[in-house]
Amino acid sequence: MERTESRRTSERKAPEPLNIDYPAMMDEILNMPGDVGNAYNRFRRYSLLNQALLMSQGVAEPINTFRGWQELGRQVQEGSKAKFIIRPITIKRENDKGEEEQFLRFKPVNCLFTVSETEGDDLPEYEPPEWSEKRALGALAINRVAYEGVCCTIR
């Protein structure tokens, strides 16, 4: 029996190019209400570009993935359409020398649903991330040292 290529790979379509009006999007980003990012970032942190993409799709409420809503005891309603964001993907391939190389690409993915497209348990209370001096200094690789005064004489 002759082995044939799977139907799924042989019928795969090339992704349609994403037409984004970046100047208009930048204007939208600069004029976004200050609390919109909090709605999007309730469960995961999204980049400013993805927040603007969500806003351009009319999203102004908490969002999550299909599985994320299930983990919170909620189910996405039948017929709901996922909103898209841009996600990084890593591509591995061999170069001319036979060495494996990795490339980072970005791909639009329909993967997010708004809370109004779900039903089920009440959402947990929102707990904004607390600011921590220790965490901030660690993230910036800064060591706190005691002030020892001026080390030289001023004339």
Foldseek 3Di string as FASTA:
>chain_A
DDDDDDPVVVPDDDDDDDDDPVVVLVVCLVPPPPCQQVQAPQPHHDDSQQSSQCVVVVDRHHKDFQVVQVVQFKHFAPPDWFRKGKDKDWDWDADPVRDIDIDIDIDIDRTMDGPVRIDGDDGPDGDDDDDDPVVVCVVVVHDDDDDDDDDDDDD
